[in-house]
Amino acid sequence: MTFDLDVLLTMMPMPGGDVPLVFLDDAAATPVPRRDEPGEEVTALMAACLGGGLDLVTDMRELLVPLVPGWLAEFGGRGTLTVRSPRDDPARPFCRVERLGAPPGWAEAASRLGCLVLFAGSIAIAEDTASADARLRRAAATGMLASGVIGYRPG
């Protein structure tokens, strides 16, 4: 399945140190039928994320982000981010984006922790000037946000 994604790497300040985040935004919001609810639709990105084990987020105030086995992010030379899910063919990762900028300390924090938090859905990265927190709250309230703590290694 192919997605038209906007991707953002950012950090979330926490008492123990900043946590690296990846936002995958389904700009096209391509609808596909839901397997569990005949007659209902979900975006292709949400179907792939939920089918791969990420959790549906419906309320950011009660966010419990699970560790999701089988998912892995790599960030390497020339700003290339590769995200793999447990359902991917080894030759075709979930997503691969080149020339992506990362905030200072992002890669170092991800390497130190060995993981990052992935948020995927209809986040409106490109066209919304609201804070990241406001965008995530809105996506969660509409049932269009998935998340998980995924593994990380330098690429």
Protein backbone atom coordinates (compact mmCIF):
# COMPACT_ATOMS: atom_id res chain seq x y z
CA MET A 1 0.00 0.00 0.00
CA THR A 2 1.33 3.48 -0.86
CA PHE A 3 0.74 6.56 1.27
CA ASP A 4 1.19 10.25 0.56
CA LEU A 5 2.71 11.15 3.92
CA ASP A 6 3.89 14.33 5.54
CA VAL A 7 6.50 13.50 8.18
CA LEU A 8 7.69 15.54 11.14
CA LEU A 9 10.43 14.70 13.65
CA THR A 10 10.08 16.58 16.92
CA MET A 11 10.79 16.29 20.64
CA MET A 12 8.51 16.13 23.68
CA PRO A 13 10.00 17.65 26.84
CA MET A 14 9.74 15.25 29.78
CA PRO A 15 11.14 15.45 33.34
CA GLY A 16 13.74 12.74 32.61
CA GLY A 17 14.78 14.27 29.28
CA ASP A 18 13.33 14.94 25.87
CA VAL A 19 11.56 12.08 24.08
CA PRO A 20 11.89 11.82 20.27
CA LEU A 21 8.63 11.73 18.31
CA VAL A 22 7.76 10.88 14.72
CA PHE A 23 4.51 12.17 13.20
CA LEU A 24 3.22 10.42 10.08
CA ASP A 25 0.39 12.46 8.60
CA ASP A 26 -1.93 10.96 6.03
CA ALA A 27 -2.34 14.08 3.90
CA ALA A 28 -4.53 12.32 1.30
CA ALA A 29 -6.69 10.48 3.88
CA THR A 30 -7.35 7.71 1.35
CA PRO A 31 -10.41 5.78 2.59
CA VAL A 32 -10.52 1.98 2.72
CA PRO A 33 -13.27 -0.31 4.10
CA ARG A 34 -12.89 -1.37 7.73
CA ARG A 35 -12.56 -5.12 8.19
CA ASP A 36 -14.13 -5.12 11.64
CA GLU A 37 -17.06 -2.80 10.80
CA PRO A 38 -18.72 -3.59 7.44
CA GLY A 39 -19.92 -0.44 5.72
CA GLU A 40 -17.53 1.79 7.69
CA GLU A 41 -14.35 3.35 6.30
CA VAL A 42 -10.98 4.26 7.77
CA THR A 43 -7.94 5.83 6.13
CA ALA A 44 -5.41 3.51 4.53
CA LEU A 45 -2.72 4.73 6.95
CA MET A 46 -4.89 4.07 10.02
CA ALA A 47 -5.82 0.61 8.73
CA ALA A 48 -2.15 -0.26 8.21
CA CYS A 49 -1.08 1.14 11.59
CA LEU A 50 -3.83 -0.51 13.61
CA GLY A 51 -3.40 -3.76 11.68
CA GLY A 52 0.31 -3.67 12.51
CA GLY A 53 -0.30 -3.34 16.24
CA LEU A 54 -0.30 0.39 16.97
CA ASP A 55 -2.97 1.53 19.44
CA LEU A 56 -5.90 3.79 18.61
CA VAL A 57 -5.70 7.06 20.57
CA THR A 58 -9.03 8.70 21.38
CA ASP A 59 -8.07 11.01 24.26
CA MET A 60 -4.65 12.62 24.66
CA ARG A 61 -5.34 13.28 28.36
CA GLU A 62 -5.43 9.53 29.00
CA LEU A 63 -2.58 8.62 26.68
CA LEU A 64 -0.94 5.29 27.42
CA VAL A 65 1.50 4.58 24.61
CA PRO A 66 2.35 0.87 24.41
CA LEU A 67 5.62 -0.69 23.34
CA VAL A 68 4.85 -2.20 19.93
CA PRO A 69 7.02 -5.20 18.98
CA GLY A 70 8.16 -5.56 15.40
CA TRP A 71 8.17 -1.85 14.53
CA LEU A 72 11.54 -0.17 13.95
CA ALA A 73 12.66 3.31 12.90
CA GLU A 74 16.07 4.09 11.45
CA PHE A 75 17.44 7.58 10.81
CA GLY A 76 20.64 7.97 8.91
CA GLY A 77 22.74 9.78 6.39
CA ARG A 78 21.18 12.53 4.31
CA GLY A 79 18.26 12.68 6.75
CA THR A 80 16.70 9.39 5.67
CA LEU A 81 13.98 8.04 7.96
CA THR A 82 12.86 4.45 7.43
CA VAL A 83 9.99 2.97 9.44
CA ARG A 84 9.33 -0.76 9.30
CA SER A 85 6.26 -2.58 10.60
CA PRO A 86 5.96 -6.29 11.44
CA ARG A 87 3.80 -6.81 8.35
CA ASP A 88 6.27 -5.33 5.82
CA ASP A 89 8.10 -7.17 3.10
CA PRO A 90 11.82 -6.67 3.95
CA ALA A 91 12.36 -4.95 0.59
CA ARG A 92 9.43 -2.54 1.13
CA PRO A 93 9.41 -0.64 4.43
CA PHE A 94 6.28 0.96 5.85
CA CYS A 95 7.70 4.35 4.88
CA ARG A 96 10.98 5.85 3.75
CA VAL A 97 11.54 9.60 3.59
CA GLU A 98 14.75 11.29 2.48
CA ARG A 99 16.16 14.73 3.27
CA LEU A 100 14.19 15.03 6.48
CA GLY A 101 15.31 17.53 9.09
CA ALA A 102 15.54 16.55 12.74
CA PRO A 103 15.66 18.97 15.67
CA PRO A 104 18.94 19.20 17.58
CA GLY A 105 19.41 16.18 19.83
CA TRP A 106 16.63 14.10 18.22
CA ALA A 107 18.85 11.32 16.85
CA GLU A 108 20.99 11.28 19.99
CA ALA A 109 17.94 10.93 22.25
CA ALA A 110 16.50 8.16 20.06
CA SER A 111 19.85 6.32 20.10
CA ARG A 112 20.22 6.69 23.88
CA LEU A 113 16.68 5.41 24.53
CA GLY A 114 16.67 2.81 21.74
CA CYS A 115 13.11 3.82 20.93
CA LEU A 116 10.83 6.70 19.98
CA VAL A 117 7.12 7.47 20.02
CA LEU A 118 5.31 7.18 16.69
CA PHE A 119 2.05 9.05 16.08
CA ALA A 120 0.25 8.37 12.80
CA GLY A 121 -3.04 9.56 11.39
CA SER A 122 -4.72 12.75 10.22
CA ILE A 123 -2.49 15.22 12.05
CA ALA A 124 -2.49 18.10 9.50
CA ILE A 125 1.25 18.78 9.63
CA ALA A 126 1.48 20.73 6.38
CA GLU A 127 -1.56 23.00 6.59
CA ASP A 128 -2.10 23.53 10.31
CA THR A 129 -0.20 26.11 12.36
CA ALA A 130 -1.64 24.91 15.69
CA SER A 131 0.73 23.44 18.23
CA ALA A 132 1.64 19.77 17.90
CA ASP A 133 -0.31 19.07 21.08
CA ALA A 134 -3.45 20.73 19.68
CA ARG A 135 -3.15 18.81 16.41
CA LEU A 136 -2.75 15.49 18.25
CA ARG A 137 -5.74 16.23 20.51
CA ARG A 138 -7.90 17.02 17.48
CA ALA A 139 -6.82 13.87 15.60
CA ALA A 140 -7.46 11.74 18.70
CA ALA A 141 -10.90 13.27 19.27
CA THR A 142 -11.92 12.31 15.73
CA GLY A 143 -10.56 8.75 16.05
CA MET A 144 -7.84 9.40 13.50
CA LEU A 145 -4.69 8.85 15.57
CA ALA A 146 -2.63 5.75 16.28
CA SER A 147 0.49 5.54 18.42
CA GLY A 148 3.12 3.27 19.82
CA VAL A 149 6.62 3.18 21.25
CA ILE A 150 8.77 1.61 18.56
CA GLY A 151 12.37 0.49 18.40
CA TYR A 152 15.08 2.77 17.01
CA ARG A 153 18.55 2.32 15.62
CA PRO A 154 20.81 4.71 13.74
CA GLY A 155 20.69 4.10 9.99
